């Protein structure tokens, strides 16, 4: 087998070779450095060095993986091609909501990586993009201060973000961005409102860990507590100073996700279908995740044999890796 030969040639375990190859596959499918880093629990810088060909050179050469000159094609989150496409659509009068939905990128991400990056702005100006018009499109919001107060009030009364969005004729992500303080930062501060991330108290964070360790997913916990998945992730991983203090104070730990304690949610037929769709139809990780209602990292772990290993070994699904 070729794979056996590769093991002799390269001083790495099979899992490391597969991870490097998967990083390049994810990048080709549009994943950011941060998303790839989060998937494999490594830093953004470590991913950058690999994709540039400065780390694991022998693996890259052995499998003819195409390295990229990031300064030539990317400005952080977006490629130059994506930036020009987004700018063109906005200047054509297409609403931000529709562009966000089309590209499967949140409005907050569009705003952050386009309006708050001087290199991006310079690049757009050099390509004759009307940056002033671009800013006007992003800043064209219809919500008054009374609307913002009412949105926070409805959310506090137990209304879901989707329900509030329907009342105002916008998508759930738009309401989420307001509640999180991504939009109307000045107005929210003036009104003395507290973004939803900081609404969680000490007992809430302890409860989140308890629910997660009992087997619930982050999305299930978010639904149960009526907060965003991002809020759950933020506190589980101690990404805010407050949650970090609580985690250290009570020595809170998360359950380890491994083959032994994962609750089996997929049937053998579904696992086989995932491999088939990936290998025969080249379906992206994101599309597979949506089809099977899983996270992208879950799909990658399945395809790498890190979960459902009994099924992948039984059907020799990793032989061609």
Foldseek 3Di string as FASTA:
>chain_A
DVVVVVVVVDVDDPLVLLLLVVLLQVVVVQDFLVVSCVLVVHDSVVSLCSLQCNPPVVSCVVVVRDHDDCVQFHDHRDGPVVLVVVLVCVVVPNALQVVCVVVVHFLLVVCCRQVVDPVNVVSCVVVVRPVVSVVCRSPPDDDDLVLLVVLVVCLVVPDALQRSCVVVVHHSSVSLCSLQCSPPVVSCVVVVHDRPLVVQDLVNLVVLQVVQQVQDDLVRSCVVVRHDSVSSVCLLVVVDVVSVVSCVVVVRDHDDDFQVPHDDDDDLVLLVVLLCCCVPVVDGLVVNCVVSVHDSSVSSCSQSCRYPVVSCVVVVSNVVD
